[in-house]
Amino acid sequence: MKLRIAVICVLLVAALSVVASYLYVMKDRAVAETEKETIVENLPEEKEEVPKVELVKYEGPVHHIFFHSLIAYDELAFDGDSRAEGYNYWMTTVSEFEAMLPELLDRGYVLYDIEELVEIDSETGEMRKKEIYLPEGKKPLVLSVDDVNYYEYMKTDGFATKLVLDENGEVANEIKTPEGDVIVSRRADVMPILDDFVKAHPEFSHNGAKGILALTGYQGALGYRVTDLTGEELNLAIAEATKVANKLKETGWRFACHSYTHNQYFKNYTVTMAQLKHDNERWKKYIQPITGETNIYISPFGVRFKRTDERYRYLVEEGFSIFCPVQKTPELSFEKDNVIMTRFNLDGYSMAKRKEYVKETYFDVDKVYDSNRPELK
């Protein structure tokens, strides 16, 4: 009996000593104190309490930042060829992204699920902003990544080639090194890097939120050429891509439609209703079976239709109730059946041309900027 009591005591003390979690509790909510019956006499009276963080209502702007696939090998991306200048403008390097994360954490940003910003009024059925509660000094941050397709033309330019599950069953990247070796890496793109950072700093994520992955249909999804293959090759690619997509969803990621074609007719606003419908139908036929349904539409080229535009209304009626264009300043606006949330690109262009705004809002560019970047023209 004494031996059993001793074992119970050791187990309880050990369990109490490792309790550490980042709990969010509502402002002014009384913390429920529950007392457990004493199992044996002489148990320690002092019990280590779970750390608790009081929440306050957040009233400020909600920022949404976005990236494209990260440059893992600068020497391959900035090699002076015809694509190097575009990469310098619109891409971010791995070293920059890794340096941004602790800076954003220090500024008080917390990753926030875009769906948690929205609620449906129970009386009117209309969409409205959901109240945000965070620890004092914290700010919600939505993050997204565009074109998570890993296009063929990028394969030789220092980018990852696909998303895979590593030997531990976690999402990682396949990538070809400058020496020509194909490896699996956790430091080649946003997803595994952010997963590992949140694992080390759970306070950077509200309820496990990570970000949104925006996929086109051009050359498949997540690096799997499901729009180009046929037969057994196609079935295998769909199965592998779906495994990766499911793991991403399980670990705090969401998916968005980024159009199927990302065609120039979006950029100049000449896309017709017929073209838009055909584009959307193909995305839902070929990409949605892998990602699952989504109500988030991240517009190609960051375009913003007027809410009265029949093309915008078509997208809303097709189930895309959250629409995300590009804009320097944060905006989150609601109408009865749709939400517009603007995004800001943290890339070479913004860090060079909007340096003071980035410094004021997100981080000191000089602490992040990759010295291997060529001068921006």
Protein backbone atom coordinates (compact mmCIF):
# COMPACT_ATOMS: atom_id res chain seq x y z
CA MET A 1 0.00 0.00 0.00
CA LYS A 2 2.78 2.43 0.93
CA LEU A 3 4.57 1.60 -2.30
CA ARG A 4 1.36 2.34 -4.29
CA ILE A 5 0.94 5.68 -2.50
CA ALA A 6 4.54 6.60 -3.21
CA VAL A 7 4.16 5.80 -6.88
CA ILE A 8 0.98 7.90 -7.13
CA CYS A 9 2.73 10.84 -5.48
CA VAL A 10 5.71 10.64 -7.83
CA LEU A 11 3.44 10.50 -10.86
CA LEU A 12 1.36 13.46 -9.72
CA VAL A 13 4.37 15.64 -8.98
CA ALA A 14 5.93 14.74 -12.32
CA ALA A 15 2.75 15.57 -14.18
CA LEU A 16 2.38 18.88 -12.41
CA SER A 17 5.96 19.87 -13.14
CA VAL A 18 5.55 19.67 -16.90
CA VAL A 19 2.28 21.56 -17.25
CA ALA A 20 2.92 24.47 -19.56
CA SER A 21 0.46 25.79 -22.08
CA TYR A 22 -0.67 29.07 -23.49
CA LEU A 23 -4.31 29.38 -22.44
CA TYR A 24 -6.61 32.19 -23.51
CA VAL A 25 -9.32 33.16 -21.00
CA MET A 26 -12.06 35.79 -21.39
CA LYS A 27 -11.71 39.14 -19.66
CA ASP A 28 -13.22 39.28 -16.20
CA ARG A 29 -14.25 35.62 -16.40
CA ALA A 30 -13.83 33.99 -13.03
CA VAL A 31 -11.32 31.18 -13.16
CA ALA A 32 -13.03 28.03 -12.05
CA GLU A 33 -11.26 26.58 -9.05
CA THR A 34 -11.83 22.89 -8.69
CA GLU A 35 -10.51 20.89 -5.83
CA LYS A 36 -9.90 17.24 -6.25
CA GLU A 37 -10.41 14.83 -3.39
CA THR A 38 -7.24 13.89 -1.63
CA ILE A 39 -6.21 10.46 -2.79
CA VAL A 40 -3.68 9.89 -0.08
CA GLU A 41 -2.50 11.80 2.93
CA ASN A 42 0.54 14.07 2.90
CA LEU A 43 0.26 15.07 -0.81
CA PRO A 44 1.94 18.43 -1.45
CA GLU A 45 -0.42 21.32 -0.68
CA GLU A 46 1.27 23.64 -3.18
CA LYS A 47 0.13 22.76 -6.71
CA GLU A 48 1.73 24.25 -9.79
CA GLU A 49 -0.97 26.10 -11.71
CA VAL A 50 -1.37 26.16 -15.47
CA PRO A 51 -0.21 29.56 -16.79
CA LYS A 52 -3.25 31.66 -17.67
CA VAL A 53 -3.41 34.70 -19.86
CA GLU A 54 -6.25 37.18 -19.54
CA LEU A 55 -7.89 38.22 -22.76
CA VAL A 56 -8.98 41.70 -23.72
CA LYS A 57 -11.09 42.80 -26.65
CA TYR A 58 -8.99 43.84 -29.65
CA GLU A 59 -10.25 46.93 -31.45
CA GLY A 60 -7.47 47.70 -33.93
CA PRO A 61 -6.93 46.83 -37.61
CA VAL A 62 -6.44 43.24 -38.71
CA HIS A 63 -3.40 42.85 -40.93
CA HIS A 64 -3.08 40.22 -43.66
CA ILE A 65 0.37 39.60 -45.14
CA PHE A 66 1.24 37.30 -48.01
CA PHE A 67 4.16 35.63 -49.73
CA HIS A 68 4.93 33.51 -52.76
CA SER A 69 7.10 30.40 -52.67
CA LEU A 70 10.35 31.20 -50.89
CA ILE A 71 13.74 31.34 -52.56
CA ALA A 72 15.83 28.66 -50.88
CA TYR A 73 19.01 29.07 -52.94
CA ASP A 74 19.77 32.72 -53.72
CA GLU A 75 22.56 31.85 -56.13
CA LEU A 76 20.11 30.05 -58.41
CA ALA A 77 17.35 32.67 -58.27
CA PHE A 78 19.53 35.76 -58.65
CA ASP A 79 21.71 34.43 -61.46
CA GLY A 80 21.04 37.24 -63.92
CA ASP A 81 18.72 35.34 -66.25
CA SER A 82 15.38 36.63 -67.55
CA ARG A 83 13.49 35.57 -64.41
CA ALA A 84 15.88 36.96 -61.81
CA GLU A 85 14.44 40.46 -61.79
CA GLY A 86 10.90 39.18 -61.21
CA TYR A 87 12.10 37.04 -58.31
CA ASN A 88 13.88 40.06 -56.86
CA TYR A 89 10.64 42.06 -56.94
CA TRP A 90 7.97 39.57 -55.90
CA MET A 91 9.66 36.84 -53.90
CA THR A 92 11.07 36.50 -50.41
CA THR A 93 14.10 34.42 -49.47
CA VAL A 94 14.17 31.71 -46.82
CA SER A 95 16.62 33.72 -44.69
CA GLU A 96 14.34 36.78 -44.86
CA PHE A 97 11.24 34.82 -43.88
CA GLU A 98 13.04 33.15 -41.00
CA ALA A 99 14.24 36.55 -39.80
CA MET A 100 10.76 38.09 -40.10
CA LEU A 101 9.04 35.65 -37.77
CA PRO A 102 10.74 36.60 -34.48
CA GLU A 103 10.40 40.27 -35.43
CA LEU A 104 6.66 39.87 -35.96
CA LEU A 105 6.41 37.98 -32.67
CA ASP A 106 8.25 40.79 -30.88
CA ARG A 107 5.82 43.31 -32.38
CA GLY A 108 2.96 41.44 -30.72
CA TYR A 109 1.48 39.76 -33.78
CA VAL A 110 -0.40 36.48 -33.36
CA LEU A 111 -1.42 34.26 -36.30
CA TYR A 112 -5.19 34.29 -36.57
CA ASP A 113 -7.65 32.16 -38.55
CA ILE A 114 -9.44 34.26 -41.17
CA GLU A 115 -12.64 32.28 -40.55
CA GLU A 116 -12.56 33.38 -36.90
CA LEU A 117 -13.00 36.99 -38.03
CA VAL A 118 -16.48 36.25 -39.33
CA GLU A 119 -19.75 35.21 -37.77
CA ILE A 120 -23.34 34.94 -38.99
CA ASP A 121 -25.99 37.05 -37.29
CA SER A 122 -28.49 34.57 -35.89
CA GLU A 123 -31.42 36.92 -36.54
CA THR A 124 -30.64 38.33 -39.99
CA GLY A 125 -28.40 35.58 -41.36
CA GLU A 126 -25.94 38.26 -42.47
CA MET A 127 -22.16 38.15 -42.12
CA ARG A 128 -20.57 40.42 -39.56
CA LYS A 129 -17.25 40.86 -37.80
CA LYS A 130 -16.71 38.56 -34.88
CA GLU A 131 -15.28 40.09 -31.74
CA ILE A 132 -11.58 39.38 -31.23
CA TYR A 133 -10.12 38.61 -27.81
CA LEU A 134 -6.37 38.33 -27.35
CA PRO A 135 -3.83 38.85 -24.58
CA GLU A 136 -3.05 42.50 -23.82
CA GLY A 137 -0.69 43.93 -26.44
CA LYS A 138 -1.28 41.18 -29.01
CA LYS A 139 -2.50 41.84 -32.57
CA PRO A 140 -4.15 39.37 -34.98
CA LEU A 141 -2.25 38.55 -38.17
CA VAL A 142 -3.58 36.59 -41.13
CA LEU A 143 -0.95 35.05 -43.41
CA SER A 144 -1.32 33.58 -46.88
CA VAL A 145 0.89 32.09 -49.60
CA ASP A 146 0.11 32.43 -53.30
CA ASP A 147 0.66 29.95 -56.12
CA VAL A 148 1.43 26.89 -54.02
CA ASN A 149 1.77 24.87 -57.21
CA TYR A 150 5.57 24.78 -57.68
CA TYR A 151 5.63 25.58 -61.38
CA GLU A 152 8.04 23.83 -63.70
CA TYR A 153 9.91 27.00 -64.68
CA MET A 154 10.97 27.53 -61.05
CA LYS A 155 12.57 24.12 -60.59
CA THR A 156 16.06 25.20 -61.62
CA ASP A 157 15.89 28.56 -59.83
CA GLY A 158 16.35 27.58 -56.19
CA PHE A 159 12.74 26.90 -55.24
CA ALA A 160 11.15 23.80 -53.74
CA THR A 161 9.55 21.41 -56.23
CA LYS A 162 6.69 20.01 -54.14
CA LEU A 163 5.24 19.48 -50.70
CA VAL A 164 5.67 16.02 -49.21
CA LEU A 165 5.31 14.21 -45.90
CA ASP A 166 8.70 13.61 -44.29
CA GLU A 167 9.79 10.52 -42.37
CA ASN A 168 7.91 11.81 -39.32
CA GLY A 169 4.70 12.32 -41.27
CA GLU A 170 5.02 16.11 -41.18
CA VAL A 171 4.74 18.49 -44.13
CA ALA A 172 8.10 19.28 -45.70
CA ASN A 173 9.47 20.16 -49.13
CA GLU A 174 11.26 18.29 -51.83
CA ILE A 175 13.94 20.46 -53.42
CA LYS A 176 16.93 20.12 -55.73
CA THR A 177 20.16 21.53 -54.33
CA PRO A 178 22.66 23.55 -56.42
CA GLU A 179 24.72 20.35 -56.57
CA GLY A 180 21.82 18.51 -58.18
CA ASP A 181 20.77 16.36 -55.24
CA VAL A 182 17.07 15.97 -54.50
CA ILE A 183 16.45 16.23 -50.76
CA VAL A 184 13.56 16.62 -48.32
CA SER A 185 13.91 19.84 -46.35
CA ARG A 186 12.09 21.71 -43.60
CA ARG A 187 13.78 24.98 -44.60
CA ALA A 188 12.66 25.38 -48.20
CA ASP A 189 9.26 27.12 -48.01
CA VAL A 190 6.79 28.90 -45.76
CA MET A 191 4.79 25.92 -44.50
CA PRO A 192 7.38 23.76 -42.71
CA ILE A 193 9.33 26.80 -41.53
CA LEU A 194 6.24 28.33 -39.97
CA ASP A 195 5.13 24.98 -38.53
CA ASP A 196 8.47 24.63 -36.75
CA PHE A 197 8.44 28.24 -35.53
CA VAL A 198 4.96 27.86 -34.03
CA LYS A 199 6.03 24.60 -32.42
CA ALA A 200 8.87 26.49 -30.72
CA HIS A 201 6.74 29.59 -30.03
CA PRO A 202 3.12 28.48 -29.54
CA GLU A 203 2.21 31.98 -28.36
CA PHE A 204 2.63 33.11 -31.99
CA SER A 205 -0.54 31.24 -32.99
CA HIS A 206 -4.08 31.75 -31.76
CA ASN A 207 -5.65 28.31 -31.33
CA GLY A 208 -3.17 26.70 -33.72
CA ALA A 209 -3.86 28.95 -36.73
CA LYS A 210 -1.17 29.02 -39.43
CA GLY A 211 -2.25 30.50 -42.76
CA ILE A 212 -3.99 30.18 -46.13
CA LEU A 213 -2.57 28.45 -49.20
CA ALA A 214 -3.85 29.89 -52.47
CA LEU A 215 -3.76 27.45 -55.38
CA THR A 216 -4.30 27.93 -59.08
CA GLY A 217 -4.87 24.98 -61.41
CA TYR A 218 -1.88 25.73 -63.61
CA GLN A 219 0.36 22.64 -63.53
CA GLY A 220 -1.57 20.97 -60.76
CA ALA A 221 -1.50 21.43 -57.01
CA LEU A 222 1.19 21.41 -54.30
CA GLY A 223 3.76 20.24 -56.86
CA TYR A 224 1.70 17.32 -58.16
CA ARG A 225 0.84 17.61 -61.87
CA VAL A 226 -2.76 16.46 -61.50
CA THR A 227 -3.92 18.58 -64.42
CA ASP A 228 -1.36 17.07 -66.82
CA LEU A 229 -1.32 13.36 -65.97
CA THR A 230 -3.64 10.51 -66.92
CA GLY A 231 -4.40 6.97 -65.81
CA GLU A 232 -2.58 5.41 -62.86
CA GLU A 233 -0.05 8.26 -62.71
CA LEU A 234 -2.92 10.69 -62.20
CA ASN A 235 -4.55 8.55 -59.51
CA LEU A 236 -1.26 8.27 -57.61
CA ALA A 237 -0.59 12.02 -57.84
CA ILE A 238 -4.09 12.86 -56.58
CA ALA A 239 -3.69 10.43 -53.68
CA GLU A 240 -0.31 11.87 -52.67
CA ALA A 241 -1.42 15.49 -53.02
CA THR A 242 -4.56 14.78 -50.98
CA LYS A 243 -2.50 13.24 -48.16
CA VAL A 244 -0.42 16.39 -47.98
CA ALA A 245 -3.48 18.65 -48.15
CA ASN A 246 -5.20 16.74 -45.36
CA LYS A 247 -2.13 17.01 -43.15
CA LEU A 248 -1.96 20.74 -43.79
CA LYS A 249 -5.60 21.17 -42.79
CA GLU A 250 -5.02 19.11 -39.65
CA THR A 251 -2.18 21.43 -38.63
CA GLY A 252 -3.84 24.83 -38.94
CA TRP A 253 -3.69 25.61 -42.66
CA ARG A 254 -6.58 26.54 -44.93
CA PHE A 255 -6.91 26.57 -48.70
CA ALA A 256 -8.16 29.25 -51.07
CA CYS A 257 -9.01 29.46 -54.75
CA HIS A 258 -6.53 31.68 -56.64
CA SER A 259 -8.37 31.13 -59.95
CA TYR A 260 -7.56 28.22 -62.22
CA THR A 261 -5.60 30.03 -64.94
CA HIS A 262 -4.25 33.20 -63.27
CA ASN A 263 -4.72 34.65 -66.73
CA GLN A 264 -3.78 38.19 -67.74
CA TYR A 265 -7.44 38.97 -68.39
CA PHE A 266 -7.85 39.18 -64.63
CA LYS A 267 -5.08 41.76 -64.37
CA ASN A 268 -6.64 44.14 -66.88
CA TYR A 269 -10.19 43.39 -65.71
CA THR A 270 -11.26 42.17 -69.14
CA VAL A 271 -12.24 38.69 -67.96
CA THR A 272 -15.74 37.95 -69.22
CA MET A 273 -18.46 36.15 -67.32
CA ALA A 274 -18.04 33.15 -69.61
CA GLN A 275 -14.30 33.05 -68.98
CA LEU A 276 -14.74 33.44 -65.23
CA LYS A 277 -17.30 30.65 -65.09
CA HIS A 278 -15.11 28.32 -67.13
CA ASP A 279 -12.12 29.17 -64.94
CA ASN A 280 -14.03 28.52 -61.72
CA GLU A 281 -15.60 25.30 -62.97
CA ARG A 282 -12.18 23.87 -63.78
CA TRP A 283 -10.78 24.83 -60.36
CA LYS A 284 -13.66 23.09 -58.65
CA LYS A 285 -13.32 20.03 -60.89
CA TYR A 286 -9.56 19.49 -60.67
CA ILE A 287 -8.26 21.27 -57.54
CA GLN A 288 -11.12 21.24 -55.04
CA PRO A 289 -11.14 17.43 -54.77
CA ILE A 290 -7.63 17.74 -53.31
CA THR A 291 -8.04 20.82 -51.13
CA GLY A 292 -11.65 20.34 -50.11
CA GLU A 293 -14.27 23.06 -50.38
CA THR A 294 -13.29 26.62 -49.51
CA ASN A 295 -15.12 29.92 -49.20
CA ILE A 296 -11.95 32.00 -49.65
CA TYR A 297 -11.08 33.56 -53.00
CA ILE A 298 -7.63 35.16 -53.23
CA SER A 299 -7.81 37.19 -56.40
CA PRO A 300 -5.15 36.76 -59.13
CA PHE A 301 -2.91 39.82 -59.44
CA GLY A 302 -4.63 41.21 -56.35
CA VAL A 303 -7.50 42.61 -58.41
CA ARG A 304 -10.56 44.00 -56.69
CA PHE A 305 -13.95 43.93 -58.36
CA LYS A 306 -16.65 46.34 -57.25
CA ARG A 307 -19.16 44.60 -55.06
CA THR A 308 -21.88 45.36 -57.59
CA ASP A 309 -19.89 43.84 -60.48
CA GLU A 310 -21.69 40.79 -61.85
CA ARG A 311 -18.39 38.90 -61.85
CA TYR A 312 -17.93 39.53 -58.14
CA ARG A 313 -21.52 38.56 -57.45
CA TYR A 314 -20.98 35.33 -59.39
CA LEU A 315 -18.04 34.39 -57.16
CA VAL A 316 -20.06 35.14 -54.01
CA GLU A 317 -22.96 33.06 -55.27
CA GLU A 318 -20.50 30.24 -56.01
CA GLY A 319 -19.67 30.14 -52.30
CA PHE A 320 -16.65 32.44 -52.11
CA SER A 321 -17.86 34.69 -49.30
CA ILE A 322 -14.36 35.93 -48.33
CA PHE A 323 -12.57 37.87 -51.07
CA CYS A 324 -8.93 38.95 -50.66
CA PRO A 325 -7.42 41.56 -53.01
CA VAL A 326 -4.11 43.41 -52.51
CA GLN A 327 -3.83 46.81 -50.86
CA LYS A 328 -1.15 48.55 -48.82
CA THR A 329 -3.37 49.40 -45.87
CA PRO A 330 -5.44 46.80 -44.01
CA GLU A 331 -9.17 46.70 -44.65
CA LEU A 332 -11.82 44.32 -43.38
CA SER A 333 -15.25 45.24 -44.68
CA PHE A 334 -18.56 43.38 -44.46
CA GLU A 335 -21.73 43.20 -46.46
CA LYS A 336 -24.58 40.86 -45.75
CA ASP A 337 -23.22 37.89 -47.72
CA ASN A 338 -19.54 38.69 -48.30
CA VAL A 339 -16.35 39.97 -46.71
CA ILE A 340 -13.42 41.79 -48.29
CA MET A 341 -10.04 41.53 -46.56
CA THR A 342 -7.05 43.22 -48.17
CA ARG A 343 -3.53 41.79 -48.12
CA PHE A 344 -0.03 43.27 -48.16
CA ASN A 345 2.93 41.63 -49.94
CA LEU A 346 6.12 41.23 -47.89
CA ASP A 347 8.60 40.76 -50.73
CA GLY A 348 11.62 42.41 -52.32
CA TYR A 349 9.56 45.24 -53.77
CA SER A 350 7.83 46.18 -50.53
CA MET A 351 10.98 45.92 -48.45
CA ALA A 352 12.86 48.17 -50.89
CA LYS A 353 10.17 50.61 -52.02
CA ARG A 354 7.98 50.75 -48.88
CA LYS A 355 10.73 50.39 -46.33
CA GLU A 356 9.45 52.95 -43.84
CA TYR A 357 5.91 51.59 -43.91
CA VAL A 358 7.18 48.06 -43.37
CA LYS A 359 9.38 49.26 -40.52
CA GLU A 360 6.53 51.16 -38.89
CA THR A 361 4.06 48.30 -39.29
CA TYR A 362 5.90 44.97 -39.26
CA PHE A 363 9.69 44.97 -38.76
CA ASP A 364 12.94 46.80 -39.41
CA VAL A 365 13.84 45.87 -42.99
CA ASP A 366 17.57 46.27 -42.27
CA LYS A 367 17.35 43.37 -39.82
CA VAL A 368 15.73 41.11 -42.40
CA TYR A 369 16.85 42.07 -45.92
CA ASP A 370 18.95 39.44 -47.67
CA SER A 371 22.36 40.85 -48.60
CA ASN A 372 22.50 38.49 -51.57
CA ARG A 373 19.70 40.37 -53.32
CA PRO A 374 20.78 42.42 -56.36
CA GLU A 375 19.89 46.09 -56.35
CA LEU A 376 16.24 46.55 -57.20
CA LYS A 377 15.84 48.34 -60.52
